[in-house]
Amino acid sequence: MRIALPLLALLGALPLPLPLFARGAQAVEREGTMPAEVFDAQGYRCARYRAPVDRDPAPARRLSQAEALRLVPGRDALFIDVLPAQGGWRDPASGIWSLAVAHQTIAGALWHPETGRCAPDRLVWHGLAAAVAEARRADPARPVVVFCRTDCWMGWNAARRLAREGFTAIYWYAEGIEGWRAAGRELVDARPVTVGSDPMSQEK
């Protein structure tokens, strides 16, 4: 997969490809082969999302903790949080989310809830894709970093889906919110991005 040159300049030369997570592989070894029904026909995770991830998100690429910490979200890359809005709901008329539980995310990131499921709602997914397309109009080589929590398949799903839909320079930050906080980096109160009418249909 072609990697954007600006990101390479920021990160420096790092060994590729990166290995899969040891903890995930050990968990699979202990538990045996993952049941087929956990994944859909396209290979997206559809159940038990909070579990160690044991595979590569190709054609997206995993972004290591060290690489992620060299980036300033919102300046060097578009960071996208796909964690669900726990107990929240989205008004289909306005696209505005009502939250039941406060959520903190990486400072500078956009929050697109529910977009990491194996079959995300069409409108919320198109809202995420439109945000990526808009960022790329301003900077065609701008990296996109997708994340949720540590040991969470939703970020993996969303990064893989974006890359399979033709977006380049898509990265999955596996350590996610917990990894960012553990490194002493800032978390902020988040509000979901409002997605009303179908944003992709307006571009056609």
Foldseek 3Di string as FASTA:
>chain_A
DDAQPLLCVLQPDDDPDDAFDPVQVVVCVVVDHDDPVQADPVGAGADPQQAGDGDALPVAGADELSSVVSDDAQPQAAEEEAAAQVVKDADQAWQFIDGPDWDKFAPNYAYQYQCLHLDGDQQSVLVVVVVVVVVCVVPVNHAYEFEYAARGRSSSRNQSVSVVVPRPNGYYHRHGRVSCVVVVHDIDTHGHDRGHPRPVVVVD
